[in-house]
């Protein structure tokens, strides 16, 4: 039987559900990404309408970008063994993950079966959604192994 993986992802965490044979495993990956912030004010030159100093903000945005990149690489490594993939989540994280997959592991892009918007879910709701997507006729027959 194929190894099917469904996941819910946002910028804080990714929850991966693996269906293999008649077993279900779940895994959670924490992102460790610092939240974005905007610095108040800025330093101006003495001339009116001169350029502002944005070095501190630029460094924070670059750090955030690199943290997201590392997070997506970790998620991609967890999905490498999947034959079929379902990606769900709110906001931009799911589309950013698709772009990262296309850059980091283009062979994996063909294994993505669907990308769906989804609000926050409990772990049981996520498992049920993944079961219904991959095996709608026998969703209740899968044994649950790990949480």
C-alpha atoms as a PDB file:
ATOM      1  CA  UNK A   1       0.000   0.000   0.000  1.00  0.00           C
ATOM      2  CA  UNK A   2       1.130   3.532  -0.676  1.00  0.00           C
ATOM      3  CA  UNK A   3       2.366   5.807   2.078  1.00  0.00           C
ATOM      4  CA  UNK A   4      -0.040   8.744   2.139  1.00  0.00           C
ATOM      5  CA  UNK A   5       0.634  11.898   4.121  1.00  0.00           C
ATOM      6  CA  UNK A   6      -1.666  14.773   4.905  1.00  0.00           C
ATOM      7  CA  UNK A   7      -0.606  17.861   6.765  1.00  0.00           C
ATOM      8  CA  UNK A   8      -1.878  21.067   8.294  1.00  0.00           C
ATOM      9  CA  UNK A   9       0.666  23.877   8.321  1.00  0.00           C
ATOM     10  CA  UNK A  10       0.962  27.474   9.459  1.00  0.00           C
ATOM     11  CA  UNK A  11       3.967  29.586  10.450  1.00  0.00           C
ATOM     12  CA  UNK A  12       3.945  28.237  14.029  1.00  0.00           C
ATOM     13  CA  UNK A  13       3.742  24.463  13.484  1.00  0.00           C
ATOM     14  CA  UNK A  14       3.084  21.650  11.050  1.00  0.00           C
ATOM     15  CA  UNK A  15       1.088  18.540  11.954  1.00  0.00           C
ATOM     16  CA  UNK A  16       1.729  15.575   9.652  1.00  0.00           C
ATOM     17  CA  UNK A  17      -0.586  12.557   9.475  1.00  0.00           C
ATOM     18  CA  UNK A  18       0.823   9.416   7.861  1.00  0.00           C
ATOM     19  CA  UNK A  19      -1.427   6.628   6.557  1.00  0.00           C
ATOM     20  CA  UNK A  20       0.440   3.405   5.800  1.00  0.00           C
ATOM     21  CA  UNK A  21      -1.203   0.019   5.467  1.00  0.00           C
ATOM     22  CA  UNK A  22      -3.890   0.230   8.156  1.00  0.00           C
ATOM     23  CA  UNK A  23      -1.948   2.423  10.573  1.00  0.00           C
ATOM     24  CA  UNK A  24      -2.061   6.146  11.365  1.00  0.00           C
ATOM     25  CA  UNK A  25       0.890   8.090  12.788  1.00  0.00           C
ATOM     26  CA  UNK A  26       0.964  11.772  13.618  1.00  0.00           C
ATOM     27  CA  UNK A  27       3.973  14.030  14.003  1.00  0.00           C
ATOM     28  CA  UNK A  28       4.206  17.675  14.982  1.00  0.00           C
ATOM     29  CA  UNK A  29       7.010  19.993  13.861  1.00  0.00           C
ATOM     30  CA  UNK A  30       7.427  23.293  15.713  1.00  0.00           C
ATOM     31  CA  UNK A  31       8.707  26.141  13.561  1.00  0.00           C
ATOM     32  CA  UNK A  32      10.807  28.201  16.038  1.00  0.00           C
ATOM     33  CA  UNK A  33      10.153  31.191  13.749  1.00  0.00           C
ATOM     34  CA  UNK A  34      10.090  34.502  15.568  1.00  0.00           C
ATOM     35  CA  UNK A  35       6.947  36.519  14.849  1.00  0.00           C
ATOM     36  CA  UNK A  36       7.361  39.458  12.498  1.00  0.00           C
ATOM     37  CA  UNK A  37       7.330  42.895  14.000  1.00  0.00           C
ATOM     38  CA  UNK A  38       7.505  46.465  12.838  1.00  0.00           C
ATOM     39  CA  UNK A  39       9.791  48.906  14.544  1.00  0.00           C
ATOM     40  CA  UNK A  40       8.170  52.176  15.485  1.00  0.00           C
ATOM     41  CA  UNK A  41       9.734  55.322  14.112  1.00  0.00           C
ATOM     42  CA  UNK A  42      13.058  55.511  12.383  1.00  0.00           C
ATOM     43  CA  UNK A  43      16.158  57.647  12.186  1.00  0.00           C
ATOM     44  CA  UNK A  44      16.120  60.494   9.707  1.00  0.00           C
ATOM     45  CA  UNK A  45      18.854  62.581   8.271  1.00  0.00           C
ATOM     46  CA  UNK A  46      18.883  66.284   8.980  1.00  0.00           C
ATOM     47  CA  UNK A  47      17.431  67.047   5.546  1.00  0.00           C
ATOM     48  CA  UNK A  48      13.651  66.909   5.231  1.00  0.00           C
ATOM     49  CA  UNK A  49      12.272  63.893   3.361  1.00  0.00           C
ATOM     50  CA  UNK A  50      15.669  62.216   3.429  1.00  0.00           C
ATOM     51  CA  UNK A  51      16.133  58.451   3.582  1.00  0.00           C
ATOM     52  CA  UNK A  52      15.380  56.596   6.796  1.00  0.00           C
ATOM     53  CA  UNK A  53      17.705  54.114   8.436  1.00  0.00           C
ATOM     54  CA  UNK A  54      16.105  50.676   7.988  1.00  0.00           C
ATOM     55  CA  UNK A  55      19.057  48.466   8.880  1.00  0.00           C
ATOM     56  CA  UNK A  56      17.556  47.018  12.080  1.00  0.00           C
ATOM     57  CA  UNK A  57      14.229  46.226  10.432  1.00  0.00           C
ATOM     58  CA  UNK A  58      15.979  44.752   7.407  1.00  0.00           C
ATOM     59  CA  UNK A  59      18.035  42.440   9.627  1.00  0.00           C
ATOM     60  CA  UNK A  60      14.915  41.240  11.441  1.00  0.00           C
ATOM     61  CA  UNK A  61      13.100  40.542   8.160  1.00  0.00           C
ATOM     62  CA  UNK A  62      16.095  38.635   6.789  1.00  0.00           C
ATOM     63  CA  UNK A  63      16.327  36.570   9.992  1.00  0.00           C
ATOM     64  CA  UNK A  64      12.587  35.793   9.723  1.00  0.00           C
ATOM     65  CA  UNK A  65      13.013  34.746   6.081  1.00  0.00           C
ATOM     66  CA  UNK A  66      15.898  32.407   6.918  1.00  0.00           C
ATOM     67  CA  UNK A  67      14.006  30.866   9.850  1.00  0.00           C
ATOM     68  CA  UNK A  68      11.022  30.158   7.580  1.00  0.00           C
ATOM     69  CA  UNK A  69      13.339  28.615   4.977  1.00  0.00           C
ATOM     70  CA  UNK A  70      14.847  26.268   7.595  1.00  0.00           C
ATOM     71  CA  UNK A  71      11.352  25.362   8.856  1.00  0.00           C
ATOM     72  CA  UNK A  72      10.139  24.485   5.351  1.00  0.00           C
ATOM     73  CA  UNK A  73      13.273  22.391   4.721  1.00  0.00           C
ATOM     74  CA  UNK A  74      12.514  20.385   7.886  1.00  0.00           C
ATOM     75  CA  UNK A  75       8.913  19.838   6.759  1.00  0.00           C
ATOM     76  CA  UNK A  76      10.051  18.784   3.263  1.00  0.00           C
ATOM     77  CA  UNK A  77      12.436  16.231   4.791  1.00  0.00           C
ATOM     78  CA  UNK A  78       9.544  14.753   6.786  1.00  0.00           C
ATOM     79  CA  UNK A  79       7.442  14.458   3.605  1.00  0.00           C
ATOM     80  CA  UNK A  80      10.160  12.821   1.453  1.00  0.00           C
ATOM     81  CA  UNK A  81       8.918   9.271   2.096  1.00  0.00           C
ATOM     82  CA  UNK A  82       5.331  10.013   1.002  1.00  0.00           C
ATOM     83  CA  UNK A  83       3.837   8.634  -2.203  1.00  0.00           C
ATOM     84  CA  UNK A  84       0.861  11.019  -2.039  1.00  0.00           C
ATOM     85  CA  UNK A  85       0.613  14.333  -0.178  1.00  0.00           C
ATOM     86  CA  UNK A  86      -2.307  16.509   0.951  1.00  0.00           C
ATOM     87  CA  UNK A  87      -1.458  20.016   2.212  1.00  0.00           C
ATOM     88  CA  UNK A  88      -3.896  22.111   4.245  1.00  0.00           C
ATOM     89  CA  UNK A  89      -3.631  25.285   6.266  1.00  0.00           C
ATOM     90  CA  UNK A  90      -4.645  28.898   6.702  1.00  0.00           C
ATOM     91  CA  UNK A  91      -2.882  31.932   5.308  1.00  0.00           C
ATOM     92  CA  UNK A  92       0.283  31.930   3.268  1.00  0.00           C
ATOM     93  CA  UNK A  93       2.194  29.036   4.827  1.00  0.00           C
ATOM     94  CA  UNK A  94       0.783  26.370   2.507  1.00  0.00           C
ATOM     95  CA  UNK A  95       1.599  28.349  -0.663  1.00  0.00           C
ATOM     96  CA  UNK A  96       5.064  29.205   0.662  1.00  0.00           C
ATOM     97  CA  UNK A  97       5.613  25.479   1.320  1.00  0.00           C
ATOM     98  CA  UNK A  98       4.617  24.646  -2.272  1.00  0.00           C
ATOM     99  CA  UNK A  99       7.179  27.166  -3.565  1.00  0.00           C
ATOM    100  CA  UNK A 100       9.831  25.690  -1.263  1.00  0.00           C
ATOM    101  CA  UNK A 101       9.020  22.168  -2.504  1.00  0.00           C
ATOM    102  CA  UNK A 102       9.335  23.312  -6.131  1.00  0.00           C
ATOM    103  CA  UNK A 103      12.781  24.783  -5.358  1.00  0.00           C
ATOM    104  CA  UNK A 104      14.195  22.223  -2.911  1.00  0.00           C
ATOM    105  CA  UNK A 105      12.621  18.954  -4.125  1.00  0.00           C
ATOM    106  CA  UNK A 106      10.958  19.361  -7.532  1.00  0.00           C
ATOM    107  CA  UNK A 107      10.382  15.581  -7.839  1.00  0.00           C
ATOM    108  CA  UNK A 108       8.125  15.798  -4.771  1.00  0.00           C
ATOM    109  CA  UNK A 109       5.810  18.343  -6.432  1.00  0.00           C
ATOM    110  CA  UNK A 110       4.255  15.643  -8.618  1.00  0.00           C
ATOM    111  CA  UNK A 111       3.215  13.687  -5.492  1.00  0.00           C
ATOM    112  CA  UNK A 112       1.047  16.538  -4.153  1.00  0.00           C
ATOM    113  CA  UNK A 113      -2.579  15.512  -4.688  1.00  0.00           C
ATOM    114  CA  UNK A 114      -4.312  18.627  -3.330  1.00  0.00           C
ATOM    115  CA  UNK A 115      -3.705  21.924  -1.554  1.00  0.00           C
ATOM    116  CA  UNK A 116      -6.649  23.201   0.489  1.00  0.00           C
ATOM    117  CA  UNK A 117      -7.379  26.179   2.719  1.00  0.00           C
ATOM    118  CA  UNK A 118      -8.290  25.040   6.222  1.00  0.00           C
ATOM    119  CA  UNK A 119      -8.856  26.741   9.553  1.00  0.00           C
ATOM    120  CA  UNK A 120      -7.257  25.515  12.750  1.00  0.00           C
ATOM    121  CA  UNK A 121      -8.100  21.853  13.472  1.00  0.00           C
ATOM    122  CA  UNK A 122      -7.713  19.493  16.359  1.00  0.00           C
ATOM    123  CA  UNK A 123      -5.504  16.499  15.768  1.00  0.00           C
ATOM    124  CA  UNK A 124      -8.539  14.182  15.535  1.00  0.00           C
ATOM    125  CA  UNK A 125     -10.206  16.455  12.972  1.00  0.00           C
ATOM    126  CA  UNK A 126      -7.025  16.455  10.902  1.00  0.00           C
ATOM    127  CA  UNK A 127      -6.739  12.661  11.013  1.00  0.00           C
ATOM    128  CA  UNK A 128     -10.393  12.349   9.931  1.00  0.00           C
ATOM    129  CA  UNK A 129      -9.889  14.834   7.076  1.00  0.00           C
ATOM    130  CA  UNK A 130      -6.808  12.972   5.791  1.00  0.00           C
ATOM    131  CA  UNK A 131      -8.588   9.596   6.060  1.00  0.00           C
ATOM    132  CA  UNK A 132     -11.603  10.900   4.153  1.00  0.00           C
ATOM    133  CA  UNK A 133      -9.400  12.368   1.426  1.00  0.00           C
ATOM    134  CA  UNK A 134      -7.262   9.289   0.779  1.00  0.00           C
ATOM    135  CA  UNK A 135      -9.714   6.478   1.535  1.00  0.00           C
ATOM    136  CA  UNK A 136     -13.286   7.783   1.674  1.00  0.00           C
ATOM    137  CA  UNK A 137     -14.862   4.321   1.540  1.00  0.00           C
ATOM    138  CA  UNK A 138     -12.965   2.799   4.483  1.00  0.00           C
ATOM    139  CA  UNK A 139     -12.003   5.732   6.661  1.00  0.00           C
ATOM    140  CA  UNK A 140     -13.100   4.051   9.897  1.00  0.00           C
ATOM    141  CA  UNK A 141     -10.995   0.893   9.487  1.00  0.00           C
ATOM    142  CA  UNK A 142      -7.560   2.452  10.018  1.00  0.00           C
ATOM    143  CA  UNK A 143      -5.837   1.757  13.356  1.00  0.00           C
ATOM    144  CA  UNK A 144      -4.293   4.671  15.217  1.00  0.00           C
ATOM    145  CA  UNK A 145      -0.678   4.114  16.339  1.00  0.00           C
ATOM    146  CA  UNK A 146       0.985   7.252  17.584  1.00  0.00           C
ATOM    147  CA  UNK A 147       0.151  10.796  18.526  1.00  0.00           C
END
